[in-house]
């Protein structure tokens, strides 16, 4: 045989090999369920009542299964239904599999309606996750000890599918229409300086006055420098100051401001304690933007496991309560 043709099939029409699972699944599954119900209930009529379908449908599904298997599974008379020897063997083989399916369905119902349990994968921006979300996990797990939480910190946008994330916290403005986003609280942006910096350099009174100060910038996870945002005369205005210091971590920006190295615009949650203690002083509050927020996000409201529902409700309530204590003059969503 010539080696160049040794691996070619003989000429003739091509007949693809049928996948038995693909071609027979519907018939097999419906037939097996009907068959198991008949055996469990002892009659076609009671099996039909249990399955919520007509008696003729049960009989037809069992008949199709028998035709597919080419064996008689049940002996039928006007008064009784009994297993054949083949039927007894088939019942013993497939009954445990059906039981596992039923158990899996019940477990899913428990996850939806039963006590919260299971694993939650949660993502959050690094600063917000470290300072706001993480400190509340201990109390959450004390209330729901059967829920395991995996918290992932990062400033890149979360991909729910590829990152296998159940719930994500997001800051800023929500522009993704494909996810459900519940605003927890407004995101207040505050320009701050230390008391030492104010004493040495003063504070700007206008947005244009920022150009005369040592500004500290933040680089985001996507690589861009965050523009400072304001509202001037009712209109949004952005400002990107020249900076001798730029960090890609908001907590490093905060520390540099605390050390008197300059001024920065930071999220309210980050500077709350320092403002209350007097370590930092705010400025340009009359120009603070008001269209940003902290959001808790998920893919769908339908078929949500109870562990997700309680986590969303818990975090929303706790974060709102602490925010009101920190920033009492800013309202929160109802």
Protein backbone atom coordinates (compact mmCIF):
# COMPACT_ATOMS: atom_id res chain seq x y z
CA UNK A 1 0.00 0.00 0.00
CA UNK A 2 1.28 3.41 -0.93
CA UNK A 3 2.19 5.32 2.26
CA UNK A 4 0.69 8.52 0.93
CA UNK A 5 -2.81 6.99 0.88
CA UNK A 6 -2.54 4.60 3.79
CA UNK A 7 -4.59 6.74 6.18
CA UNK A 8 -7.47 7.70 3.87
CA UNK A 9 -10.81 5.87 4.24
CA UNK A 10 -12.24 4.03 1.25
CA UNK A 11 -14.44 6.16 -1.03
CA UNK A 12 -18.11 6.31 -0.22
CA UNK A 13 -20.73 8.51 1.49
CA UNK A 14 -19.70 10.00 4.83
CA UNK A 15 -21.90 8.95 7.73
CA UNK A 16 -21.10 10.76 11.01
CA UNK A 17 -21.15 8.70 14.18
CA UNK A 18 -24.23 9.66 16.20
CA UNK A 19 -23.66 10.60 19.80
CA UNK A 20 -25.94 8.28 21.79
CA UNK A 21 -26.27 10.80 24.60
CA UNK A 22 -27.18 13.64 22.26
CA UNK A 23 -29.68 11.62 20.22
CA UNK A 24 -31.45 9.86 23.06
CA UNK A 25 -31.15 12.07 26.12
CA UNK A 26 -34.64 13.57 25.98
CA UNK A 27 -36.35 10.23 25.50
CA UNK A 28 -34.16 8.45 28.03
CA UNK A 29 -34.51 11.05 30.77
CA UNK A 30 -38.28 11.43 30.46
CA UNK A 31 -38.68 7.66 30.24
CA UNK A 32 -36.47 6.93 33.25
CA UNK A 33 -38.29 9.51 35.40
CA UNK A 34 -41.66 8.09 34.38
CA UNK A 35 -40.45 4.51 34.95
CA UNK A 36 -39.09 5.31 38.43
CA UNK A 37 -42.34 7.08 39.35
CA UNK A 38 -44.45 4.09 38.22
CA UNK A 39 -42.36 1.68 40.27
CA UNK A 40 -42.40 3.98 43.33
CA UNK A 41 -46.17 4.63 43.15
CA UNK A 42 -47.24 1.18 41.96
CA UNK A 43 -49.40 2.42 39.10
CA UNK A 44 -49.38 4.67 36.05
CA UNK A 45 -52.24 6.79 37.39
CA UNK A 46 -50.53 7.59 40.70
CA UNK A 47 -47.23 8.21 38.87
CA UNK A 48 -49.01 10.70 36.64
CA UNK A 49 -50.41 12.51 39.69
CA UNK A 50 -46.98 12.67 41.30
CA UNK A 51 -45.31 14.01 38.13
CA UNK A 52 -48.14 16.41 37.34
CA UNK A 53 -48.69 15.08 33.81
CA UNK A 54 -51.34 12.92 32.14
CA UNK A 55 -51.46 9.15 32.51
CA UNK A 56 -51.10 8.74 28.75
CA UNK A 57 -47.88 10.80 28.82
CA UNK A 58 -46.42 8.52 31.51
CA UNK A 59 -47.37 5.42 29.52
CA UNK A 60 -45.96 6.90 26.31
CA UNK A 61 -42.63 7.83 27.95
CA UNK A 62 -42.21 4.35 29.44
CA UNK A 63 -43.09 2.78 26.08
CA UNK A 64 -40.46 4.90 24.30
CA UNK A 65 -37.88 3.87 26.89
CA UNK A 66 -38.70 0.20 26.42
CA UNK A 67 -38.46 0.58 22.64
CA UNK A 68 -35.13 2.32 23.02
CA UNK A 69 -33.78 -0.40 25.33
CA UNK A 70 -35.52 -3.13 23.32
CA UNK A 71 -36.70 -4.85 26.51
CA UNK A 72 -39.96 -5.09 28.45
CA UNK A 73 -39.56 -3.32 31.81
CA UNK A 74 -43.09 -3.60 33.20
CA UNK A 75 -45.88 -6.15 33.04
CA UNK A 76 -49.16 -4.28 32.70
CA UNK A 77 -52.62 -5.63 33.38
CA UNK A 78 -55.88 -3.85 34.00
CA UNK A 79 -55.42 -4.41 37.72
CA UNK A 80 -51.69 -4.28 38.39
CA UNK A 81 -48.23 -3.25 37.24
CA UNK A 82 -45.16 -5.32 38.06
CA UNK A 83 -41.48 -5.29 37.17
CA UNK A 84 -40.07 -7.83 34.74
CA UNK A 85 -36.70 -9.36 35.51
CA UNK A 86 -35.05 -6.87 33.14
CA UNK A 87 -37.08 -4.09 34.72
CA UNK A 88 -35.89 -5.07 38.17
CA UNK A 89 -32.25 -4.98 37.02
CA UNK A 90 -32.73 -1.62 35.28
CA UNK A 91 -34.48 -0.12 38.32
CA UNK A 92 -31.63 -1.23 40.60
CA UNK A 93 -29.07 0.34 38.24
CA UNK A 94 -30.71 3.72 37.63
CA UNK A 95 -32.57 4.34 40.90
CA UNK A 96 -29.47 5.57 42.75
CA UNK A 97 -28.70 7.98 39.91
CA UNK A 98 -32.18 9.47 40.02
CA UNK A 99 -31.89 9.76 43.80
CA UNK A 100 -28.70 11.79 43.35
CA UNK A 101 -30.45 14.09 40.88
CA UNK A 102 -33.33 14.60 43.30
CA UNK A 103 -30.84 15.27 46.11
CA UNK A 104 -29.00 17.82 43.96
CA UNK A 105 -32.28 19.62 43.20
CA UNK A 106 -33.16 19.71 46.91
CA UNK A 107 -29.71 21.06 47.76
CA UNK A 108 -30.20 23.89 45.25
CA UNK A 109 -33.55 24.70 46.85
CA UNK A 110 -31.88 24.74 50.25
CA UNK A 111 -29.26 27.18 48.97
CA UNK A 112 -32.03 29.43 47.63
CA UNK A 113 -34.46 29.20 50.53
CA UNK A 114 -32.65 27.55 53.45
CA UNK A 115 -30.20 28.91 56.02
CA UNK A 116 -27.32 30.82 54.38
CA UNK A 117 -24.33 28.56 53.73
CA UNK A 118 -21.66 27.95 51.13
CA UNK A 119 -18.85 29.97 49.56
CA UNK A 120 -18.91 33.64 48.51
CA UNK A 121 -16.29 35.18 46.23
CA UNK A 122 -16.27 38.97 46.69
CA UNK A 123 -14.16 41.62 44.99
CA UNK A 124 -13.53 45.22 46.05
CA UNK A 125 -11.21 48.13 45.23
CA UNK A 126 -8.08 47.79 47.33
CA UNK A 127 -8.57 50.76 49.64
CA UNK A 128 -12.32 50.35 50.08
CA UNK A 129 -11.99 46.61 50.59
CA UNK A 130 -9.23 46.96 53.17
CA UNK A 131 -10.77 49.80 55.17
CA UNK A 132 -14.52 49.26 54.79
CA UNK A 133 -15.37 45.70 53.75
CA UNK A 134 -12.74 43.59 55.54
CA UNK A 135 -13.34 45.02 59.05
CA UNK A 136 -17.02 43.97 58.81
CA UNK A 137 -16.41 40.36 57.78
CA UNK A 138 -15.86 39.15 61.35
CA UNK A 139 -19.30 40.37 62.43
CA UNK A 140 -20.89 38.95 59.27
CA UNK A 141 -19.41 35.50 59.89
CA UNK A 142 -20.46 35.61 63.53
CA UNK A 143 -24.03 36.06 62.28
CA UNK A 144 -23.67 33.54 59.42
CA UNK A 145 -21.04 30.97 60.46
CA UNK A 146 -21.77 28.60 57.56
CA UNK A 147 -20.85 31.17 54.90
CA UNK A 148 -17.20 31.23 53.79
CA UNK A 149 -16.04 34.53 52.24
CA UNK A 150 -13.12 35.01 49.88
CA UNK A 151 -12.28 38.71 49.51
CA UNK A 152 -10.26 39.77 46.45
CA UNK A 153 -8.73 43.26 46.45
CA UNK A 154 -7.78 45.06 43.24
CA UNK A 155 -8.47 48.25 41.34
CA UNK A 156 -9.08 46.72 37.91
CA UNK A 157 -12.72 46.29 36.80
CA UNK A 158 -14.23 42.98 37.90
CA UNK A 159 -15.29 40.45 35.28
CA UNK A 160 -17.96 38.41 37.04
CA UNK A 161 -17.62 35.45 34.67
CA UNK A 162 -13.88 35.05 34.18
CA UNK A 163 -13.06 36.05 37.78
CA UNK A 164 -15.85 33.79 39.14
CA UNK A 165 -17.03 36.63 41.40
CA UNK A 166 -20.43 36.54 43.11
CA UNK A 167 -20.52 40.11 44.46
CA UNK A 168 -18.39 43.16 43.66
CA UNK A 169 -18.00 46.52 45.34
CA UNK A 170 -17.43 49.39 42.91
CA UNK A 171 -16.68 53.08 43.38
CA UNK A 172 -17.46 56.07 41.18
CA UNK A 173 -20.12 56.02 38.46
CA UNK A 174 -21.92 52.94 37.25
CA UNK A 175 -22.01 52.62 33.46
CA UNK A 176 -22.39 48.85 33.11
CA UNK A 177 -26.03 48.15 32.23
CA UNK A 178 -25.52 44.37 32.31
CA UNK A 179 -25.19 44.11 36.08
CA UNK A 180 -27.38 45.05 39.03
CA UNK A 181 -25.82 47.90 41.03
CA UNK A 182 -27.23 49.06 44.38
CA UNK A 183 -25.80 52.32 45.65
CA UNK A 184 -24.79 51.91 49.28
CA UNK A 185 -23.81 55.52 49.95
CA UNK A 186 -22.72 58.56 47.93
CA UNK A 187 -19.00 58.74 47.31
CA UNK A 188 -17.83 62.06 48.69
CA UNK A 189 -14.54 63.35 47.30
CA UNK A 190 -12.62 65.63 49.67
CA UNK A 191 -9.54 67.77 49.04
CA UNK A 192 -7.44 67.57 52.22
CA UNK A 193 -4.21 68.77 53.73
CA UNK A 194 -2.48 68.31 57.06
CA UNK A 195 -2.52 71.01 59.70
CA UNK A 196 1.24 71.50 59.23
CA UNK A 197 0.81 71.97 55.48
CA UNK A 198 -1.99 74.50 56.03
CA UNK A 199 0.17 76.44 58.46
CA UNK A 200 3.12 76.49 56.05
CA UNK A 201 1.38 76.95 52.68
CA UNK A 202 -2.25 77.81 53.34
CA UNK A 203 -5.13 76.19 51.45
CA UNK A 204 -6.59 76.90 48.01
CA UNK A 205 -9.91 78.74 47.91
CA UNK A 206 -10.63 78.10 44.22
CA UNK A 207 -10.05 75.21 41.83
CA UNK A 208 -7.63 77.34 39.82
CA UNK A 209 -5.68 77.99 43.02
CA UNK A 210 -4.63 74.32 43.13
CA UNK A 211 -1.90 75.12 40.64
CA UNK A 212 -0.04 76.99 43.38
CA UNK A 213 0.13 73.97 45.70
CA UNK A 214 2.01 70.67 46.06
CA UNK A 215 -0.54 68.16 44.77
CA UNK A 216 -0.34 64.39 45.15
CA UNK A 217 -1.88 62.21 42.43
CA UNK A 218 -3.25 58.67 42.28
CA UNK A 219 -2.65 56.28 39.38
CA UNK A 220 -5.47 53.76 38.90
CA UNK A 221 -5.25 50.04 38.20
CA UNK A 222 -5.80 50.75 34.48
CA UNK A 223 -2.68 52.93 34.46
CA UNK A 224 -4.24 56.37 34.10
CA UNK A 225 -3.84 59.28 36.51
CA UNK A 226 -7.08 60.12 38.36
CA UNK A 227 -8.38 63.54 37.43
CA UNK A 228 -9.63 65.66 40.31
CA UNK A 229 -13.35 66.32 39.95
CA UNK A 230 -15.36 69.35 41.04
CA UNK A 231 -18.67 71.11 40.52
CA UNK A 232 -18.26 74.78 39.70
CA UNK A 233 -21.34 76.97 39.04
CA UNK A 234 -23.45 73.83 38.81
CA UNK A 235 -21.29 72.22 36.12
CA UNK A 236 -18.80 69.36 36.34
CA UNK A 237 -15.17 70.35 36.02
CA UNK A 238 -12.07 68.15 35.91
CA UNK A 239 -8.57 69.17 36.87
CA UNK A 240 -5.31 67.26 36.51
CA UNK A 241 -2.64 69.01 38.59
CA UNK A 242 1.08 68.74 38.06
CA UNK A 243 2.41 66.56 40.87
CA UNK A 244 5.83 65.74 42.23
CA UNK A 245 4.36 62.68 43.98
CA UNK A 246 2.15 60.01 42.36
CA UNK A 247 1.18 56.67 43.89
CA UNK A 248 -0.86 53.72 42.69
CA UNK A 249 -2.20 53.03 46.19
CA UNK A 250 -4.73 55.38 47.84
CA UNK A 251 -3.40 54.64 51.31
CA UNK A 252 0.06 55.83 50.28
CA UNK A 253 -1.52 59.04 49.02
CA UNK A 254 -3.24 59.43 52.39
CA UNK A 255 -0.01 58.84 54.30
CA UNK A 256 1.85 61.41 52.21
CA UNK A 257 -0.86 63.99 52.94
CA UNK A 258 -0.73 63.15 56.67
CA UNK A 259 3.05 63.64 56.54
CA UNK A 260 2.53 67.18 55.20
CA UNK A 261 3.99 66.50 51.75
CA UNK A 262 1.07 68.02 49.87
CA UNK A 263 -2.68 68.04 49.29
CA UNK A 264 -4.83 65.45 47.52
CA UNK A 265 -8.41 64.72 46.60
CA UNK A 266 -9.47 61.47 48.29
CA UNK A 267 -12.61 59.47 48.94
CA UNK A 268 -14.47 60.29 52.13
CA UNK A 269 -14.15 56.77 53.58
CA UNK A 270 -10.37 57.06 53.36
CA UNK A 271 -10.06 60.35 55.25
CA UNK A 272 -13.02 60.06 57.62
CA UNK A 273 -11.08 59.30 60.82
CA UNK A 274 -8.33 61.82 60.07
CA UNK A 275 -10.91 64.56 59.50
CA UNK A 276 -12.73 63.72 62.72
CA UNK A 277 -9.49 63.73 64.72
CA UNK A 278 -8.32 67.01 63.17
CA UNK A 279 -5.18 65.50 61.61
CA UNK A 280 -6.50 66.60 58.21
CA UNK A 281 -8.42 69.69 57.20
CA UNK A 282 -10.71 69.92 54.16
CA UNK A 283 -10.93 72.60 51.52
CA UNK A 284 -12.98 73.39 48.40
CA UNK A 285 -15.96 71.58 49.91
CA UNK A 286 -18.28 73.99 48.10
CA UNK A 287 -17.04 72.46 44.83
CA UNK A 288 -17.26 68.77 45.79
CA UNK A 289 -18.81 66.57 43.04
CA UNK A 290 -22.09 64.86 43.91
CA UNK A 291 -22.63 62.24 41.19
CA UNK A 292 -20.42 59.42 42.44
CA UNK A 293 -21.22 56.52 44.74
CA UNK A 294 -20.12 53.32 46.42
CA UNK A 295 -22.01 50.38 44.89
CA UNK A 296 -22.54 46.72 45.66
CA UNK A 297 -23.00 44.81 42.40
CA UNK A 298 -24.12 41.38 41.23
CA UNK A 299 -25.31 39.81 38.00
CA UNK A 300 -28.97 39.05 38.61
CA UNK A 301 -31.74 39.35 41.18
CA UNK A 302 -33.22 36.02 40.04
CA UNK A 303 -32.28 32.71 41.66
CA UNK A 304 -30.02 34.42 44.18
CA UNK A 305 -28.71 32.08 46.92
CA UNK A 306 -29.58 33.15 50.44
CA UNK A 307 -25.87 33.61 51.27
CA UNK A 308 -25.70 36.39 48.67
CA UNK A 309 -28.90 38.07 49.85
CA UNK A 310 -27.81 38.25 53.49
CA UNK A 311 -24.32 39.48 52.58
CA UNK A 312 -25.71 42.28 50.40
CA UNK A 313 -28.22 43.35 53.06
CA UNK A 314 -25.67 43.11 55.89
CA UNK A 315 -22.97 45.16 54.15
CA UNK A 316 -25.43 47.76 52.90
CA UNK A 317 -26.86 48.34 56.38
CA UNK A 318 -23.50 48.41 58.20
CA UNK A 319 -21.73 50.67 55.72
CA UNK A 320 -24.62 53.12 55.59
CA UNK A 321 -24.72 53.34 59.39
CA UNK A 322 -21.00 54.09 59.67
CA UNK A 323 -21.11 56.57 56.80
CA UNK A 324 -23.84 58.60 58.52
CA UNK A 325 -21.67 58.81 61.62
CA UNK A 326 -18.70 60.02 59.57
CA UNK A 327 -20.41 62.36 57.12
CA UNK A 328 -23.72 63.42 58.72
CA UNK A 329 -24.53 66.17 56.20
CA UNK A 330 -24.73 63.86 53.17
CA UNK A 331 -27.86 61.75 52.62
CA UNK A 332 -27.86 58.07 51.70
CA UNK A 333 -30.22 56.15 49.43
CA UNK A 334 -33.36 54.66 50.96
